[in-house]
Amino acid sequence: MPGNYTIRYLPDAQADLLSIYDWIAHDNPRRACAFVGNLDKRVGALETMPHLGRIPRYPKLKELGYRVLILDSYLIFYIVGARTIEVRRVIHASRHLDDLF
């Protein structure tokens, strides 16, 4: 597909990311900054490769059109729109998805 997509973090994803940053920074601020940088780089790849993430196995998310990227122990859930990537959640892989979506 020609052209780039615009990436947009929805409020829940922004809150998730701030919470993750604070959690990591409590022990290691440098590692927290590195994590956010790596996440930004990984999500940034969606601008030109919007279907980079896989389709989740969880039926509810699959039906809603979600895709997921994995970064370390975190799952980045997003939806591909016409020209926009909406990052909806960034959560630790050990969390129960039923409570979040």
PDB file of N, CA and C in Angstrom:
ATOM      1  N   MET A   1       0.827  -1.176   0.000  1.00  0.00           N
ATOM      2  CA  MET A   1       0.000   0.000   0.000  1.00  0.00           C
ATOM      3  C   MET A   1       0.876   1.245   0.000  1.00  0.00           C
ATOM      4  N   PRO A   2       0.641   2.135  -0.922  1.00  0.00           N
ATOM      5  CA  PRO A   2       1.453   3.343  -0.968  1.00  0.00           C
ATOM      6  C   PRO A   2       1.082   4.308   0.151  1.00  0.00           C
ATOM      7  N   GLY A   3       2.035   5.130   0.530  1.00  0.00           N
ATOM      8  CA  GLY A   3       1.774   6.149   1.540  1.00  0.00           C
ATOM      9  C   GLY A   3       1.914   5.630   2.953  1.00  0.00           C
ATOM     10  N   ASN A   4       1.903   6.565   3.851  1.00  0.00           N
ATOM     11  CA  ASN A   4       2.052   6.229   5.263  1.00  0.00           C
ATOM     12  C   ASN A   4       0.732   6.362   6.007  1.00  0.00           C
ATOM     13  N   TYR A   5       0.630   5.612   7.067  1.00  0.00           N
ATOM     14  CA  TYR A   5      -0.496   5.709   7.986  1.00  0.00           C
ATOM     15  C   TYR A   5      -0.118   6.667   9.107  1.00  0.00           C
ATOM     16  N   THR A   6      -1.102   7.266   9.699  1.00  0.00           N
ATOM     17  CA  THR A   6      -0.907   8.100  10.877  1.00  0.00           C
ATOM     18  C   THR A   6      -1.155   7.231  12.101  1.00  0.00           C
ATOM     19  N   ILE A   7      -0.266   7.333  13.068  1.00  0.00           N
ATOM     20  CA  ILE A   7      -0.420   6.551  14.300  1.00  0.00           C
ATOM     21  C   ILE A   7      -1.023   7.444  15.377  1.00  0.00           C
ATOM     22  N   ARG A   8      -2.040   6.912  16.026  1.00  0.00           N
ATOM     23  CA  ARG A   8      -2.739   7.656  17.074  1.00  0.00           C
ATOM     24  C   ARG A   8      -2.884   6.760  18.302  1.00  0.00           C
ATOM     25  N   TYR A   9      -2.380   7.230  19.437  1.00  0.00           N
ATOM     26  CA  TYR A   9      -2.545   6.515  20.702  1.00  0.00           C
ATOM     27  C   TYR A   9      -3.840   6.998  21.348  1.00  0.00           C
ATOM     28  N   LEU A  10      -4.777   6.101  21.567  1.00  0.00           N
ATOM     29  CA  LEU A  10      -6.012   6.461  22.245  1.00  0.00           C
ATOM     30  C   LEU A  10      -5.738   6.642  23.743  1.00  0.00           C
ATOM     31  N   PRO A  11      -6.636   7.327  24.456  1.00  0.00           N
ATOM     32  CA  PRO A  11      -6.378   7.631  25.881  1.00  0.00           C
ATOM     33  C   PRO A  11      -6.035   6.415  26.745  1.00  0.00           C
ATOM     34  N   ASP A  12      -6.701   5.282  26.540  1.00  0.00           N
ATOM     35  CA  ASP A  12      -6.370   4.091  27.340  1.00  0.00           C
ATOM     36  C   ASP A  12      -4.936   3.648  27.098  1.00  0.00           C
ATOM     37  N   ALA A  13      -4.491   3.695  25.847  1.00  0.00           N
ATOM     38  CA  ALA A  13      -3.113   3.303  25.525  1.00  0.00           C
ATOM     39  C   ALA A  13      -2.119   4.286  26.128  1.00  0.00           C
ATOM     40  N   GLN A  14      -2.456   5.571  26.097  1.00  0.00           N
ATOM     41  CA  GLN A  14      -1.583   6.575  26.715  1.00  0.00           C
ATOM     42  C   GLN A  14      -1.451   6.322  28.213  1.00  0.00           C
ATOM     43  N   ALA A  15      -2.575   6.038  28.855  1.00  0.00           N
ATOM     44  CA  ALA A  15      -2.554   5.756  30.297  1.00  0.00           C
ATOM     45  C   ALA A  15      -1.762   4.482  30.592  1.00  0.00           C
ATOM     46  N   ASP A  16      -1.944   3.457  29.744  1.00  0.00           N
ATOM     47  CA  ASP A  16      -1.181   2.214  29.908  1.00  0.00           C
ATOM     48  C   ASP A  16       0.314   2.494  29.842  1.00  0.00           C
ATOM     49  N   LEU A  17       0.703   3.260  28.846  1.00  0.00           N
ATOM     50  CA  LEU A  17       2.121   3.534  28.632  1.00  0.00           C
ATOM     51  C   LEU A  17       2.719   4.328  29.788  1.00  0.00           C
ATOM     52  N   LEU A  18       1.986   5.302  30.292  1.00  0.00           N
ATOM     53  CA  LEU A  18       2.475   6.072  31.447  1.00  0.00           C
ATOM     54  C   LEU A  18       2.623   5.182  32.680  1.00  0.00           C
ATOM     55  N   SER A  19       1.666   4.300  32.876  1.00  0.00           N
ATOM     56  CA  SER A  19       1.722   3.381  34.012  1.00  0.00           C
ATOM     57  C   SER A  19       2.922   2.438  33.898  1.00  0.00           C
ATOM     58  N   ILE A  20       3.149   1.911  32.707  1.00  0.00           N
ATOM     59  CA  ILE A  20       4.295   1.014  32.480  1.00  0.00           C
ATOM     60  C   ILE A  20       5.592   1.772  32.706  1.00  0.00           C
ATOM     61  N   TYR A  21       5.678   2.982  32.164  1.00  0.00           N
ATOM     62  CA  TYR A  21       6.878   3.792  32.342  1.00  0.00           C
ATOM     63  C   TYR A  21       7.153   4.008  33.833  1.00  0.00           C
ATOM     64  N   ASP A  22       6.124   4.428  34.576  1.00  0.00           N
ATOM     65  CA  ASP A  22       6.297   4.673  36.012  1.00  0.00           C
ATOM     66  C   ASP A  22       6.749   3.417  36.751  1.00  0.00           C
ATOM     67  N   TRP A  23       6.167   2.291  36.391  1.00  0.00           N
ATOM     68  CA  TRP A  23       6.503   1.022  37.045  1.00  0.00           C
ATOM     69  C   TRP A  23       7.979   0.669  36.814  1.00  0.00           C
ATOM     70  N   ILE A  24       8.416   0.771  35.576  1.00  0.00           N
ATOM     71  CA  ILE A  24       9.816   0.441  35.252  1.00  0.00           C
ATOM     72  C   ILE A  24      10.758   1.483  35.850  1.00  0.00           C
ATOM     73  N   ALA A  25      10.383   2.765  35.743  1.00  0.00           N
ATOM     74  CA  ALA A  25      11.249   3.854  36.212  1.00  0.00           C
ATOM     75  C   ALA A  25      11.463   3.822  37.719  1.00  0.00           C
ATOM     76  N   HIS A  26      10.533   3.233  38.441  1.00  0.00           N
ATOM     77  CA  HIS A  26      10.685   3.129  39.895  1.00  0.00           C
ATOM     78  C   HIS A  26      12.003   2.436  40.248  1.00  0.00           C
ATOM     79  N   ASP A  27      12.369   1.408  39.457  1.00  0.00           N
ATOM     80  CA  ASP A  27      13.624   0.690  39.685  1.00  0.00           C
ATOM     81  C   ASP A  27      14.763   1.173  38.797  1.00  0.00           C
ATOM     82  N   ASN A  28      14.422   1.607  37.581  1.00  0.00           N
ATOM     83  CA  ASN A  28      15.483   1.924  36.628  1.00  0.00           C
ATOM     84  C   ASN A  28      14.976   2.915  35.581  1.00  0.00           C
ATOM     85  N   PRO A  29      15.163   4.213  35.816  1.00  0.00           N
ATOM     86  CA  PRO A  29      14.680   5.230  34.879  1.00  0.00           C
ATOM     87  C   PRO A  29      15.253   5.092  33.462  1.00  0.00           C
ATOM     88  N   ARG A  30      16.498   4.711  33.360  1.00  0.00           N
ATOM     89  CA  ARG A  30      17.097   4.533  32.023  1.00  0.00           C
ATOM     90  C   ARG A  30      16.409   3.414  31.249  1.00  0.00           C
ATOM     91  N   ARG A  31      16.124   2.337  31.939  1.00  0.00           N
ATOM     92  CA  ARG A  31      15.449   1.215  31.290  1.00  0.00           C
ATOM     93  C   ARG A  31      14.035   1.611  30.873  1.00  0.00           C
ATOM     94  N   ALA A  32      13.382   2.430  31.677  1.00  0.00           N
ATOM     95  CA  ALA A  32      12.035   2.910  31.339  1.00  0.00           C
ATOM     96  C   ALA A  32      12.075   3.746  30.060  1.00  0.00           C
ATOM     97  N   CYS A  33      13.053   4.631  29.958  1.00  0.00           N
ATOM     98  CA  CYS A  33      13.203   5.443  28.741  1.00  0.00           C
ATOM     99  C   CYS A  33      13.512   4.566  27.533  1.00  0.00           C
ATOM    100  N   ALA A  34      14.368   3.575  27.725  1.00  0.00           N
ATOM    101  CA  ALA A  34      14.706   2.664  26.632  1.00  0.00           C
ATOM    102  C   ALA A  34      13.481   1.872  26.182  1.00  0.00           C
ATOM    103  N   PHE A  35      12.670   1.434  27.138  1.00  0.00           N
ATOM    104  CA  PHE A  35      11.468   0.691  26.792  1.00  0.00           C
ATOM    105  C   PHE A  35      10.536   1.540  25.935  1.00  0.00           C
ATOM    106  N   VAL A  36      10.296   2.784  26.369  1.00  0.00           N
ATOM    107  CA  VAL A  36       9.408   3.667  25.612  1.00  0.00           C
ATOM    108  C   VAL A  36       9.984   3.937  24.221  1.00  0.00           C
ATOM    109  N   GLY A  37      11.291   4.114  24.126  1.00  0.00           N
ATOM    110  CA  GLY A  37      11.932   4.308  22.825  1.00  0.00           C
ATOM    111  C   GLY A  37      11.765   3.099  21.917  1.00  0.00           C
ATOM    112  N   ASN A  38      11.946   1.907  22.478  1.00  0.00           N
ATOM    113  CA  ASN A  38      11.772   0.674  21.698  1.00  0.00           C
ATOM    114  C   ASN A  38      10.323   0.499  21.269  1.00  0.00           C
ATOM    115  N   LEU A  39       9.392   0.825  22.159  1.00  0.00           N
ATOM    116  CA  LEU A  39       7.976   0.725  21.812  1.00  0.00           C
ATOM    117  C   LEU A  39       7.644   1.700  20.691  1.00  0.00           C
ATOM    118  N   ASP A  40       8.140   2.922  20.790  1.00  0.00           N
ATOM    119  CA  ASP A  40       7.883   3.927  19.763  1.00  0.00           C
ATOM    120  C   ASP A  40       8.436   3.473  18.406  1.00  0.00           C
ATOM    121  N   LYS A  41       9.594   2.864  18.426  1.00  0.00           N
ATOM    122  CA  LYS A  41      10.199   2.367  17.188  1.00  0.00           C
ATOM    123  C   LYS A  41       9.369   1.225  16.591  1.00  0.00           C
ATOM    124  N   ARG A  42       8.944   0.319  17.459  1.00  0.00           N
ATOM    125  CA  ARG A  42       8.143  -0.836  17.012  1.00  0.00           C
ATOM    126  C   ARG A  42       6.807  -0.381  16.440  1.00  0.00           C
ATOM    127  N   VAL A  43       6.125   0.501  17.159  1.00  0.00           N
ATOM    128  CA  VAL A  43       4.838   1.020  16.690  1.00  0.00           C
ATOM    129  C   VAL A  43       5.038   1.883  15.446  1.00  0.00           C
ATOM    130  N   GLY A  44       6.125   2.614  15.394  1.00  0.00           N
ATOM    131  CA  GLY A  44       6.422   3.458  14.234  1.00  0.00           C
ATOM    132  C   GLY A  44       6.521   2.671  12.935  1.00  0.00           C
ATOM    133  N   ALA A  45       6.925   1.420  13.026  1.00  0.00           N
ATOM    134  CA  ALA A  45       7.011   0.574  11.825  1.00  0.00           C
ATOM    135  C   ALA A  45       5.634   0.358  11.196  1.00  0.00           C
ATOM    136  N   LEU A  46       4.578   0.547  11.973  1.00  0.00           N
ATOM    137  CA  LEU A  46       3.223   0.372  11.452  1.00  0.00           C
ATOM    138  C   LEU A  46       2.858   1.452  10.440  1.00  0.00           C
ATOM    139  N   GLU A  47       3.564   2.575  10.451  1.00  0.00           N
ATOM    140  CA  GLU A  47       3.278   3.637   9.485  1.00  0.00           C
ATOM    141  C   GLU A  47       3.369   3.136   8.045  1.00  0.00           C
ATOM    142  N   THR A  48       4.297   2.254   7.795  1.00  0.00           N
ATOM    143  CA  THR A  48       4.464   1.730   6.428  1.00  0.00           C
ATOM    144  C   THR A  48       4.087   0.259   6.305  1.00  0.00           C
ATOM    145  N   MET A  49       3.949  -0.427   7.442  1.00  0.00           N
ATOM    146  CA  MET A  49       3.567  -1.847   7.431  1.00  0.00           C
ATOM    147  C   MET A  49       2.447  -2.068   8.442  1.00  0.00           C
ATOM    148  N   PRO A  50       1.240  -1.590   8.144  1.00  0.00           N
ATOM    149  CA  PRO A  50       0.164  -1.609   9.135  1.00  0.00           C
ATOM    150  C   PRO A  50      -0.277  -3.003   9.583  1.00  0.00           C
ATOM    151  N   HIS A  51      -0.012  -4.011   8.790  1.00  0.00           N
ATOM    152  CA  HIS A  51      -0.428  -5.364   9.157  1.00  0.00           C
ATOM    153  C   HIS A  51       0.738  -6.194   9.706  1.00  0.00           C
ATOM    154  N   LEU A  52       1.738  -5.499  10.231  1.00  0.00           N
ATOM    155  CA  LEU A  52       2.914  -6.147  10.806  1.00  0.00           C
ATOM    156  C   LEU A  52       2.536  -7.055  11.975  1.00  0.00           C
ATOM    157  N   GLY A  53       1.636  -6.598  12.817  1.00  0.00           N
ATOM    158  CA  GLY A  53       1.209  -7.394  13.963  1.00  0.00           C
ATOM    159  C   GLY A  53       0.331  -8.554  13.529  1.00  0.00           C
ATOM    160  N   ARG A  54       0.249  -9.531  14.400  1.00  0.00           N
ATOM    161  CA  ARG A  54      -0.572 -10.708  14.073  1.00  0.00           C
ATOM    162  C   ARG A  54      -2.005 -10.506  14.537  1.00  0.00           C
ATOM    163  N   ILE A  55      -2.889 -11.320  14.016  1.00  0.00           N
ATOM    164  CA  ILE A  55      -4.281 -11.323  14.455  1.00  0.00           C
ATOM    165  C   ILE A  55      -4.321 -12.094  15.769  1.00  0.00           C
ATOM    166  N   PRO A  56      -4.929 -11.519  16.810  1.00  0.00           N
ATOM    167  CA  PRO A  56      -4.958 -12.218  18.105  1.00  0.00           C
ATOM    168  C   PRO A  56      -5.780 -13.502  18.052  1.00  0.00           C
ATOM    169  N   ARG A  57      -5.420 -14.438  18.901  1.00  0.00           N
ATOM    170  CA  ARG A  57      -6.169 -15.695  19.001  1.00  0.00           C
ATOM    171  C   ARG A  57      -7.471 -15.537  19.769  1.00  0.00           C
ATOM    172  N   TYR A  58      -7.521 -14.540  20.620  1.00  0.00           N
ATOM    173  CA  TYR A  58      -8.692 -14.296  21.450  1.00  0.00           C
ATOM    174  C   TYR A  58      -9.865 -13.919  20.540  1.00  0.00           C
ATOM    175  N   PRO A  59     -10.942 -14.733  20.520  1.00  0.00           N
ATOM    176  CA  PRO A  59     -12.041 -14.541  19.558  1.00  0.00           C
ATOM    177  C   PRO A  59     -12.662 -13.143  19.566  1.00  0.00           C
ATOM    178  N   LYS A  60     -12.888 -12.580  20.747  1.00  0.00           N
ATOM    179  CA  LYS A  60     -13.522 -11.259  20.833  1.00  0.00           C
ATOM    180  C   LYS A  60     -12.670 -10.205  20.117  1.00  0.00           C
ATOM    181  N   LEU A  61     -11.360 -10.231  20.343  1.00  0.00           N
ATOM    182  CA  LEU A  61     -10.466  -9.259  19.711  1.00  0.00           C
ATOM    183  C   LEU A  61     -10.367  -9.490  18.205  1.00  0.00           C
ATOM    184  N   LYS A  62     -10.364 -10.729  17.823  1.00  0.00           N
ATOM    185  CA  LYS A  62     -10.325 -11.087  16.404  1.00  0.00           C
ATOM    186  C   LYS A  62     -11.557 -10.522  15.683  1.00  0.00           C
ATOM    187  N   GLU A  63     -12.723 -10.706  16.286  1.00  0.00           N
ATOM    188  CA  GLU A  63     -13.969 -10.210  15.698  1.00  0.00           C
ATOM    189  C   GLU A  63     -13.985  -8.687  15.579  1.00  0.00           C
ATOM    190  N   LEU A  64     -13.372  -8.004  16.521  1.00  0.00           N
ATOM    191  CA  LEU A  64     -13.352  -6.541  16.526  1.00  0.00           C
ATOM    192  C   LEU A  64     -12.287  -5.959  15.602  1.00  0.00           C
ATOM    193  N   GLY A  65     -11.473  -6.811  14.969  1.00  0.00           N
ATOM    194  CA  GLY A  65     -10.477  -6.346  14.008  1.00  0.00           C
ATOM    195  C   GLY A  65      -9.144  -5.932  14.600  1.00  0.00           C
ATOM    196  N   TYR A  66      -8.876  -6.363  15.810  1.00  0.00           N
ATOM    197  CA  TYR A  66      -7.603  -6.009  16.447  1.00  0.00           C
ATOM    198  C   TYR A  66      -6.440  -6.761  15.815  1.00  0.00           C
ATOM    199  N   ARG A  67      -5.277  -6.151  15.937  1.00  0.00           N
ATOM    200  CA  ARG A  67      -4.007  -6.797  15.643  1.00  0.00           C
ATOM    201  C   ARG A  67      -3.134  -6.560  16.874  1.00  0.00           C
ATOM    202  N   VAL A  68      -2.070  -7.339  17.014  1.00  0.00           N
ATOM    203  CA  VAL A  68      -1.230  -7.206  18.202  1.00  0.00           C
ATOM    204  C   VAL A  68       0.249  -7.320  17.822  1.00  0.00           C
ATOM    205  N   LEU A  69       1.028  -6.424  18.393  1.00  0.00           N
ATOM    206  CA  LEU A  69       2.490  -6.483  18.321  1.00  0.00           C
ATOM    207  C   LEU A  69       2.987  -6.913  19.694  1.00  0.00           C
ATOM    208  N   ILE A  70       4.100  -7.601  19.712  1.00  0.00           N
ATOM    209  CA  ILE A  70       4.689  -8.029  20.977  1.00  0.00           C
ATOM    210  C   ILE A  70       6.025  -7.326  21.147  1.00  0.00           C
ATOM    211  N   LEU A  71       6.222  -6.757  22.324  1.00  0.00           N
ATOM    212  CA  LEU A  71       7.490  -6.122  22.672  1.00  0.00           C
ATOM    213  C   LEU A  71       7.847  -6.562  24.072  1.00  0.00           C
ATOM    214  N   ASP A  72       8.898  -7.347  24.178  1.00  0.00           N
ATOM    215  CA  ASP A  72       9.292  -7.927  25.462  1.00  0.00           C
ATOM    216  C   ASP A  72       8.096  -8.694  26.033  1.00  0.00           C
ATOM    217  N   SER A  73       7.633  -8.332  27.207  1.00  0.00           N
ATOM    218  CA  SER A  73       6.499  -9.018  27.827  1.00  0.00           C
ATOM    219  C   SER A  73       5.203  -8.225  27.667  1.00  0.00           C
ATOM    220  N   TYR A  74       5.176  -7.302  26.729  1.00  0.00           N
ATOM    221  CA  TYR A  74       4.019  -6.434  26.555  1.00  0.00           C
ATOM    222  C   TYR A  74       3.341  -6.664  25.211  1.00  0.00           C
ATOM    223  N   LEU A  75       2.033  -6.492  25.222  1.00  0.00           N
ATOM    224  CA  LEU A  75       1.216  -6.641  24.023  1.00  0.00           C
ATOM    225  C   LEU A  75       0.678  -5.270  23.638  1.00  0.00           C
ATOM    226  N   ILE A  76       0.844  -4.921  22.390  1.00  0.00           N
ATOM    227  CA  ILE A  76       0.389  -3.636  21.868  1.00  0.00           C
ATOM    228  C   ILE A  76      -0.791  -3.931  20.946  1.00  0.00           C
ATOM    229  N   PHE A  77      -1.979  -3.578  21.380  1.00  0.00           N
ATOM    230  CA  PHE A  77      -3.182  -3.855  20.606  1.00  0.00           C
ATOM    231  C   PHE A  77      -3.559  -2.630  19.785  1.00  0.00           C
ATOM    232  N   TYR A  78      -3.825  -2.860  18.508  1.00  0.00           N
ATOM    233  CA  TYR A  78      -4.162  -1.754  17.625  1.00  0.00           C
ATOM    234  C   TYR A  78      -5.164  -2.191  16.563  1.00  0.00           C
ATOM    235  N   ILE A  79      -5.760  -1.187  15.926  1.00  0.00           N
ATOM    236  CA  ILE A  79      -6.706  -1.416  14.832  1.00  0.00           C
ATOM    237  C   ILE A  79      -6.249  -0.583  13.645  1.00  0.00           C
ATOM    238  N   VAL A  80      -6.310  -1.189  12.477  1.00  0.00           N
ATOM    239  CA  VAL A  80      -5.940  -0.502  11.234  1.00  0.00           C
ATOM    240  C   VAL A  80      -7.192   0.131  10.643  1.00  0.00           C
ATOM    241  N   GLY A  81      -7.166   1.447  10.481  1.00  0.00           N
ATOM    242  CA  GLY A  81      -8.251   2.173   9.836  1.00  0.00           C
ATOM    243  C   GLY A  81      -7.881   2.481   8.394  1.00  0.00           C
ATOM    244  N   ALA A  82      -8.632   3.348   7.761  1.00  0.00           N
ATOM    245  CA  ALA A  82      -8.400   3.692   6.354  1.00  0.00           C
ATOM    246  C   ALA A  82      -7.005   4.280   6.152  1.00  0.00           C
ATOM    247  N   ARG A  83      -6.599   5.217   6.976  1.00  0.00           N
ATOM    248  CA  ARG A  83      -5.261   5.818   6.890  1.00  0.00           C
ATOM    249  C   ARG A  83      -4.657   6.029   8.272  1.00  0.00           C
ATOM    250  N   THR A  84      -5.284   5.436   9.284  1.00  0.00           N
ATOM    251  CA  THR A  84      -4.852   5.648  10.665  1.00  0.00           C
ATOM    252  C   THR A  84      -4.679   4.314  11.386  1.00  0.00           C
ATOM    253  N   ILE A  85      -3.647   4.246  12.187  1.00  0.00           N
ATOM    254  CA  ILE A  85      -3.440   3.129  13.114  1.00  0.00           C
ATOM    255  C   ILE A  85      -3.837   3.648  14.484  1.00  0.00           C
ATOM    256  N   GLU A  86      -4.804   3.006  15.115  1.00  0.00           N
ATOM    257  CA  GLU A  86      -5.212   3.389  16.465  1.00  0.00           C
ATOM    258  C   GLU A  86      -4.634   2.388  17.456  1.00  0.00           C
ATOM    259  N   VAL A  87      -3.698   2.852  18.268  1.00  0.00           N
ATOM    260  CA  VAL A  87      -3.154   2.019  19.335  1.00  0.00           C
ATOM    261  C   VAL A  87      -4.146   2.123  20.482  1.00  0.00           C
ATOM    262  N   ARG A  88      -4.753   0.982  20.824  1.00  0.00           N
ATOM    263  CA  ARG A  88      -5.842   0.993  21.795  1.00  0.00           C
ATOM    264  C   ARG A  88      -5.391   0.639  23.210  1.00  0.00           C
ATOM    265  N   ARG A  89      -4.466  -0.316  23.347  1.00  0.00           N
ATOM    266  CA  ARG A  89      -3.992  -0.738  24.671  1.00  0.00           C
ATOM    267  C   ARG A  89      -2.544  -1.197  24.561  1.00  0.00           C
ATOM    268  N   VAL A  90      -1.812  -1.039  25.653  1.00  0.00           N
ATOM    269  CA  VAL A  90      -0.463  -1.582  25.811  1.00  0.00           C
ATOM    270  C   VAL A  90      -0.474  -2.245  27.179  1.00  0.00           C
ATOM    271  N   ILE A  91      -0.420  -3.580  27.193  1.00  0.00           N
ATOM    272  CA  ILE A  91      -0.587  -4.295  28.460  1.00  0.00           C
ATOM    273  C   ILE A  91       0.451  -5.395  28.610  1.00  0.00           C
ATOM    274  N   HIS A  92       0.695  -5.767  29.858  1.00  0.00           N
ATOM    275  CA  HIS A  92       1.598  -6.874  30.135  1.00  0.00           C
ATOM    276  C   HIS A  92       0.918  -8.166  29.701  1.00  0.00           C
ATOM    277  N   ALA A  93       1.675  -9.070  29.149  1.00  0.00           N
ATOM    278  CA  ALA A  93       1.127 -10.318  28.597  1.00  0.00           C
ATOM    279  C   ALA A  93       0.472 -11.205  29.649  1.00  0.00           C
ATOM    280  N   SER A  94       0.781 -10.998  30.920  1.00  0.00           N
ATOM    281  CA  SER A  94       0.206 -11.843  31.966  1.00  0.00           C
ATOM    282  C   SER A  94      -1.192 -11.393  32.391  1.00  0.00           C
ATOM    283  N   ARG A  95      -1.648 -10.251  31.922  1.00  0.00           N
ATOM    284  CA  ARG A  95      -2.962  -9.732  32.340  1.00  0.00           C
ATOM    285  C   ARG A  95      -4.096 -10.478  31.644  1.00  0.00           C
ATOM    286  N   HIS A  96      -5.246 -10.515  32.300  1.00  0.00           N
ATOM    287  CA  HIS A  96      -6.427 -11.153  31.733  1.00  0.00           C
ATOM    288  C   HIS A  96      -7.115 -10.173  30.778  1.00  0.00           C
ATOM    289  N   LEU A  97      -7.292 -10.586  29.547  1.00  0.00           N
ATOM    290  CA  LEU A  97      -7.860  -9.705  28.540  1.00  0.00           C
ATOM    291  C   LEU A  97      -9.340  -9.408  28.758  1.00  0.00           C
ATOM    292  N   ASP A  98     -10.055 -10.305  29.388  1.00  0.00           N
ATOM    293  CA  ASP A  98     -11.488 -10.088  29.616  1.00  0.00           C
ATOM    294  C   ASP A  98     -11.763  -8.803  30.384  1.00  0.00           C
ATOM    295  N   ASP A  99     -10.871  -8.455  31.277  1.00  0.00           N
ATOM    296  CA  ASP A  99     -11.065  -7.279  32.113  1.00  0.00           C
ATOM    297  C   ASP A  99     -10.706  -5.972  31.401  1.00  0.00           C
ATOM    298  N   LEU A 100     -10.066  -6.071  30.242  1.00  0.00           N
ATOM    299  CA  LEU A 100      -9.527  -4.882  29.587  1.00  0.00           C
ATOM    300  C   LEU A 100     -10.258  -4.448  28.333  1.00  0.00           C
ATOM    301  N   PHE A 101     -10.989  -5.368  27.720  1.00  0.00           N
ATOM    302  CA  PHE A 101     -11.643  -5.031  26.447  1.00  0.00           C
ATOM    303  C   PHE A 101     -13.134  -5.237  26.559  1.00  0.00           C
TER     304      PHE A 101
END
